Amino acid sequence: MAEARWLEISLLVDGELAEAVADVLGRFVSNGVVMEHAVSFDHGEVEGTPAGPVRVFGYLPFDAHLEDKRRRLEEALWHLSCIQPLPEPSYRAIDDQDWMASWKEHYHPIPVGERLLIVPAWIQIDAAHRIPVRIDPSMAFGTGTHPTTQLCLELIEKYVRPDRPVIDVGCGSGILSIAALKLGASQALAVDVDSAAVRAAQENAAANGLLGRLELGLGSVIDVLEWKFTLASAPLVLANILASTIIRLFDEGLGDLVEPGGHLILSGILTDQAPAVIEAAIPHGLRLVEQRSMSDWVALVVQK
């Protein structure tokens, strides 16, 4: 019997387009989509530094549905290119035994902020001077390479309170909650509307030895506020999602998750979208206390 194969679909785009392209790919590919920056190295360093445009990629299995999925994917990308020009996708066939290795070959430990080191789960490394956060990027967003994730991680370093809880809305891979716990948070509640993301976050929590302190659940703001989990508010709340979703979630009670005096870290926001997000926060008793940017992306910290 012929060995199963996979077709890799990859596009190299700027940061402004990465989320939109990933959303399109995610409708068709198996096992999720990865967004990664190129990583540059100086003098043989093992950690590396993210640089350049974003590579967005995923895999289609070689099966009876391949040509139909590829056609529909290319149509969806064409419609997106009518809004803003896109490069042509590149394709590469991969043997079954090598396809997971192809996910891994470009991943290296990445230092973020002053204390964190994002480590691919399969790499053994001595991180004596940094706190390792082990992430397997094969299932969901949040690998530590995208500016939105890095901005959040830098801000978590500053605003996490020792021995206090954290809520993570739209947790993806769980990277933000895991980092907050490793930086001293007492417990974390991480929710997502995507069951695949919740499963991936659980696997990443296990890789970091944090299953006992990280509560994971399928849901969003309303579910948290209705006490479907053990936390309904926290002094630090995280939301690394799209600006349009953040604005909608304010109307669903996102600000109510933040304890008085607490902070809400918001990311996934393009530079020109930041004023609208800030304006949406104000009626909910939140004021801007910090703004950071990287490439075309912005992260905001608002306080209750």
C-alpha atoms as a PDB file:
ATOM      1  CA  MET A   1       0.000   0.000   0.000  1.00  0.00           C
ATOM      2  CA  ALA A   2       1.311   3.465  -0.897  1.00  0.00           C
ATOM      3  CA  GLU A   3       2.394   5.534   2.054  1.00  0.00           C
ATOM      4  CA  ALA A   4       0.111   8.413   3.080  1.00  0.00           C
ATOM      5  CA  ARG A   5       1.373  11.845   2.139  1.00  0.00           C
ATOM      6  CA  TRP A   6       0.562  15.427   3.052  1.00  0.00           C
ATOM      7  CA  LEU A   7       0.467  18.610   0.997  1.00  0.00           C
ATOM      8  CA  GLU A   8       1.933  21.635   2.774  1.00  0.00           C
ATOM      9  CA  ILE A   9       0.374  24.986   1.854  1.00  0.00           C
ATOM     10  CA  SER A  10       2.476  28.009   2.776  1.00  0.00           C
ATOM     11  CA  LEU A  11       2.239  31.780   2.267  1.00  0.00           C
ATOM     12  CA  LEU A  12       4.787  34.410   3.315  1.00  0.00           C
ATOM     13  CA  VAL A  13       2.931  37.604   4.239  1.00  0.00           C
ATOM     14  CA  ASP A  14       3.374  40.741   6.327  1.00  0.00           C
ATOM     15  CA  GLY A  15       2.025  40.920   9.850  1.00  0.00           C
ATOM     16  CA  GLU A  16      -1.118  42.783   8.835  1.00  0.00           C
ATOM     17  CA  LEU A  17      -2.295  39.876   6.673  1.00  0.00           C
ATOM     18  CA  ALA A  18      -1.154  36.942   8.804  1.00  0.00           C
ATOM     19  CA  GLU A  19      -4.309  36.565  10.900  1.00  0.00           C
ATOM     20  CA  ALA A  20      -6.616  36.795   7.861  1.00  0.00           C
ATOM     21  CA  VAL A  21      -4.610  34.227   5.887  1.00  0.00           C
ATOM     22  CA  ALA A  22      -4.494  31.901   8.894  1.00  0.00           C
ATOM     23  CA  ASP A  23      -8.257  32.157   9.245  1.00  0.00           C
ATOM     24  CA  VAL A  24      -8.713  31.101   5.603  1.00  0.00           C
ATOM     25  CA  LEU A  25      -6.256  28.199   5.853  1.00  0.00           C
ATOM     26  CA  GLY A  26      -7.843  27.037   9.089  1.00  0.00           C
ATOM     27  CA  ARG A  27     -11.113  26.270   7.309  1.00  0.00           C
ATOM     28  CA  PHE A  28      -9.476  23.595   5.178  1.00  0.00           C
ATOM     29  CA  VAL A  29      -6.243  22.157   6.633  1.00  0.00           C
ATOM     30  CA  SER A  30      -5.713  19.344   9.153  1.00  0.00           C
ATOM     31  CA  ASN A  31      -4.215  19.791  12.637  1.00  0.00           C
ATOM     32  CA  GLY A  32      -4.370  23.576  12.721  1.00  0.00           C
ATOM     33  CA  VAL A  33      -2.395  26.446  11.247  1.00  0.00           C
ATOM     34  CA  VAL A  34       1.004  27.800  12.277  1.00  0.00           C
ATOM     35  CA  MET A  35       2.106  31.428  11.995  1.00  0.00           C
ATOM     36  CA  GLU A  36       5.842  31.907  12.415  1.00  0.00           C
ATOM     37  CA  HIS A  37       8.452  34.568  11.867  1.00  0.00           C
ATOM     38  CA  ALA A  38      11.799  33.731  10.385  1.00  0.00           C
ATOM     39  CA  VAL A  39      14.424  33.411  13.128  1.00  0.00           C
ATOM     40  CA  SER A  40      17.851  34.969  12.817  1.00  0.00           C
ATOM     41  CA  PHE A  41      20.935  33.718  14.652  1.00  0.00           C
ATOM     42  CA  ASP A  42      24.193  35.418  15.538  1.00  0.00           C
ATOM     43  CA  HIS A  43      27.434  33.555  16.206  1.00  0.00           C
ATOM     44  CA  GLY A  44      25.770  30.180  16.623  1.00  0.00           C
ATOM     45  CA  GLU A  45      23.383  31.245  19.393  1.00  0.00           C
ATOM     46  CA  VAL A  46      20.742  28.636  20.276  1.00  0.00           C
ATOM     47  CA  GLU A  47      17.900  30.999  21.101  1.00  0.00           C
ATOM     48  CA  GLY A  48      17.574  33.213  18.030  1.00  0.00           C
ATOM     49  CA  THR A  49      15.496  36.314  17.412  1.00  0.00           C
ATOM     50  CA  PRO A  50      12.251  36.535  15.388  1.00  0.00           C
ATOM     51  CA  ALA A  51      12.647  38.635  12.246  1.00  0.00           C
ATOM     52  CA  GLY A  52      11.007  39.367   8.918  1.00  0.00           C
ATOM     53  CA  PRO A  53       7.574  38.552   7.510  1.00  0.00           C
ATOM     54  CA  VAL A  54       5.214  35.895   8.823  1.00  0.00           C
ATOM     55  CA  ARG A  55       5.046  32.418   7.293  1.00  0.00           C
ATOM     56  CA  VAL A  56       1.535  30.955   7.525  1.00  0.00           C
ATOM     57  CA  PHE A  57       1.209  27.256   6.752  1.00  0.00           C
ATOM     58  CA  GLY A  58      -0.800  24.071   7.234  1.00  0.00           C
ATOM     59  CA  TYR A  59      -1.344  20.627   5.724  1.00  0.00           C
ATOM     60  CA  LEU A  60      -3.901  18.843   3.555  1.00  0.00           C
ATOM     61  CA  PRO A  61      -3.902  15.030   3.511  1.00  0.00           C
ATOM     62  CA  PHE A  62      -3.518  13.250   0.187  1.00  0.00           C
ATOM     63  CA  ASP A  63      -6.983  11.693  -0.008  1.00  0.00           C
ATOM     64  CA  ALA A  64     -10.078  11.684  -2.215  1.00  0.00           C
ATOM     65  CA  HIS A  65     -10.969  15.220  -1.070  1.00  0.00           C
ATOM     66  CA  LEU A  66      -7.589  16.835  -1.737  1.00  0.00           C
ATOM     67  CA  GLU A  67      -8.310  18.459  -5.094  1.00  0.00           C
ATOM     68  CA  ASP A  68     -11.684  19.764  -3.976  1.00  0.00           C
ATOM     69  CA  LYS A  69     -10.225  21.243  -0.785  1.00  0.00           C
ATOM     70  CA  ARG A  70      -7.309  22.773  -2.668  1.00  0.00           C
ATOM     71  CA  ARG A  71      -9.677  24.355  -5.215  1.00  0.00           C
ATOM     72  CA  ARG A  72     -11.919  25.810  -2.507  1.00  0.00           C
ATOM     73  CA  LEU A  73      -8.891  27.033  -0.547  1.00  0.00           C
ATOM     74  CA  GLU A  74      -7.482  28.808  -3.602  1.00  0.00           C
ATOM     75  CA  GLU A  75     -10.887  30.410  -4.254  1.00  0.00           C
ATOM     76  CA  ALA A  76     -11.019  31.674  -0.658  1.00  0.00           C
ATOM     77  CA  LEU A  77      -7.498  33.087  -0.937  1.00  0.00           C
ATOM     78  CA  TRP A  78      -8.443  34.760  -4.230  1.00  0.00           C
ATOM     79  CA  HIS A  79     -11.392  36.486  -2.562  1.00  0.00           C
ATOM     80  CA  LEU A  80      -9.074  37.681   0.217  1.00  0.00           C
ATOM     81  CA  SER A  81      -6.574  38.954  -2.370  1.00  0.00           C
ATOM     82  CA  CYS A  82      -9.312  41.152  -3.846  1.00  0.00           C
ATOM     83  CA  ILE A  83      -9.211  43.119  -0.591  1.00  0.00           C
ATOM     84  CA  GLN A  84      -5.422  43.209  -0.305  1.00  0.00           C
ATOM     85  CA  PRO A  85      -2.894  41.584  -2.678  1.00  0.00           C
ATOM     86  CA  LEU A  86      -1.494  38.213  -1.589  1.00  0.00           C
ATOM     87  CA  PRO A  87       1.477  36.190  -2.808  1.00  0.00           C
ATOM     88  CA  GLU A  88       0.767  32.915  -4.542  1.00  0.00           C
ATOM     89  CA  PRO A  89       0.708  29.976  -2.095  1.00  0.00           C
ATOM     90  CA  SER A  90       3.551  27.498  -2.346  1.00  0.00           C
ATOM     91  CA  TYR A  91       2.958  23.746  -2.140  1.00  0.00           C
ATOM     92  CA  ARG A  92       5.192  20.894  -1.000  1.00  0.00           C
ATOM     93  CA  ALA A  93       4.438  17.174  -0.798  1.00  0.00           C
ATOM     94  CA  ILE A  94       5.633  15.488   2.402  1.00  0.00           C
ATOM     95  CA  ASP A  95       5.965  11.789   3.243  1.00  0.00           C
ATOM     96  CA  ASP A  96       3.828  10.668   6.154  1.00  0.00           C
ATOM     97  CA  GLN A  97       6.735   9.779   8.430  1.00  0.00           C
ATOM     98  CA  ASP A  98       8.314  13.213   7.835  1.00  0.00           C
ATOM     99  CA  TRP A  99       5.348  15.540   8.120  1.00  0.00           C
ATOM    100  CA  MET A 100       5.594  16.180  11.858  1.00  0.00           C
ATOM    101  CA  ALA A 101       9.336  16.730  11.461  1.00  0.00           C
ATOM    102  CA  SER A 102       8.542  19.401   8.871  1.00  0.00           C
ATOM    103  CA  TRP A 103       6.597  21.309  11.549  1.00  0.00           C
ATOM    104  CA  LYS A 104       9.589  21.170  13.816  1.00  0.00           C
ATOM    105  CA  GLU A 105      12.552  21.964  11.615  1.00  0.00           C
ATOM    106  CA  HIS A 106      12.256  25.768  11.857  1.00  0.00           C
ATOM    107  CA  TYR A 107      11.427  26.005  15.561  1.00  0.00           C
ATOM    108  CA  HIS A 108      14.113  27.104  18.007  1.00  0.00           C
ATOM    109  CA  PRO A 109      14.031  28.496  21.556  1.00  0.00           C
ATOM    110  CA  ILE A 110      13.037  32.176  21.516  1.00  0.00           C
ATOM    111  CA  PRO A 111      13.758  34.629  24.344  1.00  0.00           C
ATOM    112  CA  VAL A 112      10.850  36.941  25.131  1.00  0.00           C
ATOM    113  CA  GLY A 113      10.961  39.869  27.510  1.00  0.00           C
ATOM    114  CA  GLU A 114      13.460  39.785  30.349  1.00  0.00           C
ATOM    115  CA  ARG A 115      12.726  36.369  31.862  1.00  0.00           C
ATOM    116  CA  LEU A 116      10.943  33.994  29.493  1.00  0.00           C
ATOM    117  CA  LEU A 117      12.242  31.459  26.972  1.00  0.00           C
ATOM    118  CA  ILE A 118       9.721  29.845  24.606  1.00  0.00           C
ATOM    119  CA  VAL A 119      10.957  26.304  24.026  1.00  0.00           C
ATOM    120  CA  PRO A 120       9.553  23.831  21.475  1.00  0.00           C
ATOM    121  CA  ALA A 121       8.297  20.904  23.539  1.00  0.00           C
ATOM    122  CA  TRP A 122      10.656  18.395  21.895  1.00  0.00           C
ATOM    123  CA  ILE A 123      13.869  20.350  22.631  1.00  0.00           C
ATOM    124  CA  GLN A 124      15.913  19.699  25.762  1.00  0.00           C
ATOM    125  CA  ILE A 125      17.774  22.828  26.819  1.00  0.00           C
ATOM    126  CA  ASP A 126      19.395  24.295  29.899  1.00  0.00           C
ATOM    127  CA  ALA A 127      17.527  27.566  30.463  1.00  0.00           C
ATOM    128  CA  ALA A 128      19.362  28.507  33.640  1.00  0.00           C
ATOM    129  CA  HIS A 129      18.929  32.263  33.185  1.00  0.00           C
ATOM    130  CA  ARG A 130      15.361  32.237  31.834  1.00  0.00           C
ATOM    131  CA  ILE A 131      12.041  30.578  32.644  1.00  0.00           C
ATOM    132  CA  PRO A 132      11.230  27.934  30.007  1.00  0.00           C
ATOM    133  CA  VAL A 133       7.716  27.776  28.582  1.00  0.00           C
ATOM    134  CA  ARG A 134       7.358  24.547  26.585  1.00  0.00           C
ATOM    135  CA  ILE A 135       4.948  24.726  23.659  1.00  0.00           C
ATOM    136  CA  ASP A 136       4.117  22.226  20.919  1.00  0.00           C
ATOM    137  CA  PRO A 137       3.022  24.384  17.954  1.00  0.00           C
ATOM    138  CA  SER A 138       1.459  21.559  15.957  1.00  0.00           C
ATOM    139  CA  MET A 139      -2.131  22.029  17.147  1.00  0.00           C
ATOM    140  CA  ALA A 140      -3.087  25.676  17.715  1.00  0.00           C
ATOM    141  CA  PHE A 141      -2.040  29.320  17.534  1.00  0.00           C
ATOM    142  CA  GLY A 142       0.344  30.807  20.024  1.00  0.00           C
ATOM    143  CA  THR A 143       3.873  29.544  19.405  1.00  0.00           C
ATOM    144  CA  GLY A 144       5.713  32.585  20.732  1.00  0.00           C
ATOM    145  CA  THR A 145       6.889  33.798  17.327  1.00  0.00           C
ATOM    146  CA  HIS A 146       4.067  36.197  16.464  1.00  0.00           C
ATOM    147  CA  PRO A 147       4.278  39.828  17.654  1.00  0.00           C
ATOM    148  CA  THR A 148       0.857  39.655  19.331  1.00  0.00           C
ATOM    149  CA  THR A 149       1.989  36.774  21.532  1.00  0.00           C
ATOM    150  CA  GLN A 150       5.355  38.341  22.329  1.00  0.00           C
ATOM    151  CA  LEU A 151       3.773  41.652  23.311  1.00  0.00           C
ATOM    152  CA  CYS A 152       1.395  39.849  25.675  1.00  0.00           C
ATOM    153  CA  LEU A 153       4.187  37.850  27.246  1.00  0.00           C
ATOM    154  CA  GLU A 154       6.255  40.985  27.868  1.00  0.00           C
ATOM    155  CA  LEU A 155       3.289  42.650  29.552  1.00  0.00           C
ATOM    156  CA  ILE A 156       2.432  39.578  31.619  1.00  0.00           C
ATOM    157  CA  GLU A 157       5.953  39.760  33.069  1.00  0.00           C
ATOM    158  CA  LYS A 158       5.149  43.268  34.282  1.00  0.00           C
ATOM    159  CA  TYR A 159       1.563  42.905  35.461  1.00  0.00           C
ATOM    160  CA  VAL A 160       1.208  39.377  36.837  1.00  0.00           C
ATOM    161  CA  ARG A 161       0.719  39.398  40.598  1.00  0.00           C
ATOM    162  CA  PRO A 162       2.457  36.688  42.655  1.00  0.00           C
ATOM    163  CA  ASP A 163       0.032  34.205  44.173  1.00  0.00           C
ATOM    164  CA  ARG A 164      -2.990  35.749  42.431  1.00  0.00           C
ATOM    165  CA  PRO A 165      -5.123  34.163  39.657  1.00  0.00           C
ATOM    166  CA  VAL A 166      -5.293  34.932  35.931  1.00  0.00           C
ATOM    167  CA  ILE A 167      -8.077  34.521  33.339  1.00  0.00           C
ATOM    168  CA  ASP A 168      -7.164  33.947  29.684  1.00  0.00           C
ATOM    169  CA  VAL A 169      -9.963  34.478  27.136  1.00  0.00           C
ATOM    170  CA  GLY A 170      -9.337  32.833  23.757  1.00  0.00           C
ATOM    171  CA  CYS A 171      -6.374  30.892  25.097  1.00  0.00           C
ATOM    172  CA  GLY A 172      -5.234  29.149  21.879  1.00  0.00           C
ATOM    173  CA  SER A 173      -2.218  27.008  22.750  1.00  0.00           C
ATOM    174  CA  GLY A 174      -2.348  28.140  26.395  1.00  0.00           C
ATOM    175  CA  ILE A 175       1.007  29.887  26.109  1.00  0.00           C
ATOM    176  CA  LEU A 176      -0.081  33.034  27.963  1.00  0.00           C
ATOM    177  CA  SER A 177      -1.649  31.195  30.907  1.00  0.00           C
ATOM    178  CA  ILE A 178       1.324  28.859  31.181  1.00  0.00           C
ATOM    179  CA  ALA A 179       3.733  31.808  31.186  1.00  0.00           C
ATOM    180  CA  ALA A 180       1.660  33.616  33.843  1.00  0.00           C
ATOM    181  CA  LEU A 181       1.744  30.536  36.090  1.00  0.00           C
ATOM    182  CA  LYS A 182       5.493  30.148  35.652  1.00  0.00           C
ATOM    183  CA  LEU A 183       5.892  33.829  36.531  1.00  0.00           C
ATOM    184  CA  GLY A 184       4.084  33.316  39.840  1.00  0.00           C
ATOM    185  CA  ALA A 185       0.310  33.382  39.301  1.00  0.00           C
ATOM    186  CA  SER A 186      -1.479  31.100  41.758  1.00  0.00           C
ATOM    187  CA  GLN A 187      -3.865  29.578  39.230  1.00  0.00           C
ATOM    188  CA  ALA A 188      -5.201  30.289  35.753  1.00  0.00           C
ATOM    189  CA  LEU A 189      -8.483  29.778  33.960  1.00  0.00           C
ATOM    190  CA  ALA A 190      -8.058  29.475  30.178  1.00  0.00           C
ATOM    191  CA  VAL A 191     -11.071  29.265  27.864  1.00  0.00           C
ATOM    192  CA  ASP A 192     -11.492  29.041  24.113  1.00  0.00           C
ATOM    193  CA  VAL A 193     -14.402  28.470  21.752  1.00  0.00           C
ATOM    194  CA  ASP A 194     -12.286  26.008  19.731  1.00  0.00           C
ATOM    195  CA  SER A 195     -12.175  22.520  21.259  1.00  0.00           C
ATOM    196  CA  ALA A 196      -8.924  21.738  19.385  1.00  0.00           C
ATOM    197  CA  ALA A 197      -7.281  24.714  21.074  1.00  0.00           C
ATOM    198  CA  VAL A 198      -8.452  23.529  24.496  1.00  0.00           C
ATOM    199  CA  ARG A 199      -6.979  20.078  23.858  1.00  0.00           C
ATOM    200  CA  ALA A 200      -3.693  21.596  22.684  1.00  0.00           C
ATOM    201  CA  ALA A 201      -3.541  23.843  25.750  1.00  0.00           C
ATOM    202  CA  GLN A 202      -4.058  20.805  27.969  1.00  0.00           C
ATOM    203  CA  GLU A 203      -1.150  19.012  26.291  1.00  0.00           C
ATOM    204  CA  ASN A 204       1.061  22.079  26.688  1.00  0.00           C
ATOM    205  CA  ALA A 205       0.064  22.420  30.342  1.00  0.00           C
ATOM    206  CA  ALA A 206       1.079  18.796  30.880  1.00  0.00           C
ATOM    207  CA  ALA A 207       4.426  19.413  29.153  1.00  0.00           C
ATOM    208  CA  ASN A 208       5.054  22.222  31.647  1.00  0.00           C
ATOM    209  CA  GLY A 209       3.845  20.260  34.699  1.00  0.00           C
ATOM    210  CA  LEU A 210       0.952  22.656  35.295  1.00  0.00           C
ATOM    211  CA  LEU A 211      -2.197  20.570  34.894  1.00  0.00           C
ATOM    212  CA  GLY A 212      -3.050  21.028  38.566  1.00  0.00           C
ATOM    213  CA  ARG A 213      -2.972  24.838  38.365  1.00  0.00           C
ATOM    214  CA  LEU A 214      -4.427  25.480  34.908  1.00  0.00           C
ATOM    215  CA  GLU A 215      -8.186  25.066  34.515  1.00  0.00           C
ATOM    216  CA  LEU A 216      -9.213  24.669  30.878  1.00  0.00           C
ATOM    217  CA  GLY A 217     -12.669  24.938  29.406  1.00  0.00           C
ATOM    218  CA  LEU A 218     -14.695  25.369  26.246  1.00  0.00           C
ATOM    219  CA  GLY A 219     -16.384  28.747  26.347  1.00  0.00           C
ATOM    220  CA  SER A 220     -15.987  32.509  26.421  1.00  0.00           C
ATOM    221  CA  VAL A 221     -16.734  35.562  28.550  1.00  0.00           C
ATOM    222  CA  ILE A 222     -20.396  34.773  29.235  1.00  0.00           C
ATOM    223  CA  ASP A 223     -19.551  31.259  30.432  1.00  0.00           C
ATOM    224  CA  VAL A 224     -16.957  32.616  32.857  1.00  0.00           C
ATOM    225  CA  LEU A 225     -19.336  35.247  34.217  1.00  0.00           C
ATOM    226  CA  GLU A 226     -21.997  32.583  34.752  1.00  0.00           C
ATOM    227  CA  TRP A 227     -19.633  30.714  37.088  1.00  0.00           C
ATOM    228  CA  LYS A 228     -19.306  27.674  34.850  1.00  0.00           C
ATOM    229  CA  PHE A 229     -15.702  27.521  36.053  1.00  0.00           C
ATOM    230  CA  THR A 230     -14.007  28.108  39.397  1.00  0.00           C
ATOM    231  CA  LEU A 231     -13.140  31.743  38.603  1.00  0.00           C
ATOM    232  CA  ALA A 232     -15.436  34.561  37.500  1.00  0.00           C
ATOM    233  CA  SER A 233     -12.968  37.437  37.924  1.00  0.00           C
ATOM    234  CA  ALA A 234      -9.242  38.003  38.436  1.00  0.00           C
ATOM    235  CA  PRO A 235      -6.744  40.824  38.963  1.00  0.00           C
ATOM    236  CA  LEU A 236      -5.193  40.024  35.565  1.00  0.00           C
ATOM    237  CA  VAL A 237      -7.202  39.111  32.467  1.00  0.00           C
ATOM    238  CA  LEU A 238      -5.677  38.301  29.063  1.00  0.00           C
ATOM    239  CA  ALA A 239      -7.269  38.483  25.600  1.00  0.00           C
ATOM    240  CA  ASN A 240      -4.995  37.955  22.613  1.00  0.00           C
ATOM    241  CA  ILE A 241      -7.630  37.820  19.890  1.00  0.00           C
ATOM    242  CA  LEU A 242      -8.767  40.045  17.016  1.00  0.00           C
ATOM    243  CA  ALA A 243      -9.710  43.690  17.619  1.00  0.00           C
ATOM    244  CA  SER A 244     -13.249  43.183  16.309  1.00  0.00           C
ATOM    245  CA  THR A 245     -13.746  40.271  18.706  1.00  0.00           C
ATOM    246  CA  ILE A 246     -12.388  42.271  21.657  1.00  0.00           C
ATOM    247  CA  ILE A 247     -14.844  45.091  20.951  1.00  0.00           C
ATOM    248  CA  ARG A 248     -17.733  42.605  20.748  1.00  0.00           C
ATOM    249  CA  LEU A 249     -16.657  40.913  23.976  1.00  0.00           C
ATOM    250  CA  PHE A 250     -16.758  44.231  25.844  1.00  0.00           C
ATOM    251  CA  ASP A 251     -20.511  44.208  25.218  1.00  0.00           C
ATOM    252  CA  GLU A 252     -20.650  40.644  26.567  1.00  0.00           C
ATOM    253  CA  GLY A 253     -18.917  41.579  29.831  1.00  0.00           C
ATOM    254  CA  LEU A 254     -15.172  41.299  29.194  1.00  0.00           C
ATOM    255  CA  GLY A 255     -14.524  44.225  31.528  1.00  0.00           C
ATOM    256  CA  ASP A 256     -16.509  42.534  34.299  1.00  0.00           C
ATOM    257  CA  LEU A 257     -13.883  39.786  34.481  1.00  0.00           C
ATOM    258  CA  VAL A 258     -11.362  42.327  35.828  1.00  0.00           C
ATOM    259  CA  GLU A 259     -11.302  42.933  39.561  1.00  0.00           C
ATOM    260  CA  PRO A 260     -11.261  46.580  40.758  1.00  0.00           C
ATOM    261  CA  GLY A 261      -7.715  47.883  40.388  1.00  0.00           C
ATOM    262  CA  GLY A 262      -6.850  44.957  38.123  1.00  0.00           C
ATOM    263  CA  HIS A 263      -5.512  44.959  34.581  1.00  0.00           C
ATOM    264  CA  LEU A 264      -6.710  43.664  31.226  1.00  0.00           C
ATOM    265  CA  ILE A 265      -4.037  42.927  28.600  1.00  0.00           C
ATOM    266  CA  LEU A 266      -5.379  43.136  25.048  1.00  0.00           C
ATOM    267  CA  SER A 267      -3.542  42.107  21.883  1.00  0.00           C
ATOM    268  CA  GLY A 268      -4.180  40.913  18.343  1.00  0.00           C
ATOM    269  CA  ILE A 269      -4.751  44.578  17.462  1.00  0.00           C
ATOM    270  CA  LEU A 270      -3.372  46.317  14.372  1.00  0.00           C
ATOM    271  CA  THR A 271      -1.982  49.811  14.937  1.00  0.00           C
ATOM    272  CA  ASP A 272      -4.879  51.622  13.262  1.00  0.00           C
ATOM    273  CA  GLN A 273      -7.411  49.577  15.268  1.00  0.00           C
ATOM    274  CA  ALA A 274      -6.071  50.598  18.687  1.00  0.00           C
ATOM    275  CA  PRO A 275      -8.142  53.820  19.067  1.00  0.00           C
ATOM    276  CA  ALA A 276     -11.397  51.917  18.507  1.00  0.00           C
ATOM    277  CA  VAL A 277     -10.467  49.303  21.114  1.00  0.00           C
ATOM    278  CA  ILE A 278      -9.508  51.966  23.650  1.00  0.00           C
ATOM    279  CA  GLU A 279     -12.774  53.817  23.008  1.00  0.00           C
ATOM    280  CA  ALA A 280     -14.750  50.590  23.489  1.00  0.00           C
ATOM    281  CA  ALA A 281     -13.055  49.956  26.840  1.00  0.00           C
ATOM    282  CA  ILE A 282     -13.835  53.318  28.427  1.00  0.00           C
ATOM    283  CA  PRO A 283     -17.606  52.844  29.042  1.00  0.00           C
ATOM    284  CA  HIS A 284     -16.796  49.686  30.991  1.00  0.00           C
ATOM    285  CA  GLY A 285     -14.745  51.481  33.620  1.00  0.00           C
ATOM    286  CA  LEU A 286     -11.368  50.776  32.007  1.00  0.00           C
ATOM    287  CA  ARG A 287      -8.646  53.314  31.318  1.00  0.00           C
ATOM    288  CA  LEU A 288      -5.520  52.945  29.204  1.00  0.00           C
ATOM    289  CA  VAL A 289      -2.320  52.669  31.265  1.00  0.00           C
ATOM    290  CA  GLU A 290       0.162  51.277  28.708  1.00  0.00           C
ATOM    291  CA  GLN A 291       0.532  50.673  25.000  1.00  0.00           C
ATOM    292  CA  ARG A 292       3.291  48.694  23.270  1.00  0.00           C
ATOM    293  CA  SER A 293       3.855  47.990  19.591  1.00  0.00           C
ATOM    294  CA  MET A 294       5.820  45.558  17.432  1.00  0.00           C
ATOM    295  CA  SER A 295       5.755  45.617  13.624  1.00  0.00           C
ATOM    296  CA  ASP A 296       2.129  46.414  12.699  1.00  0.00           C
ATOM    297  CA  TRP A 297       0.717  45.137  15.978  1.00  0.00           C
ATOM    298  CA  VAL A 298      -0.273  46.803  19.246  1.00  0.00           C
ATOM    299  CA  ALA A 299      -0.930  45.504  22.760  1.00  0.00           C
ATOM    300  CA  LEU A 300      -2.884  47.557  25.269  1.00  0.00           C
ATOM    301  CA  VAL A 301      -3.110  47.447  29.041  1.00  0.00           C
ATOM    302  CA  VAL A 302      -6.264  48.915  30.553  1.00  0.00           C
ATOM    303  CA  GLN A 303      -7.009  49.149  34.265  1.00  0.00           C
ATOM    304  CA  LYS A 304     -10.336  48.779  36.083  1.00  0.00           C
END
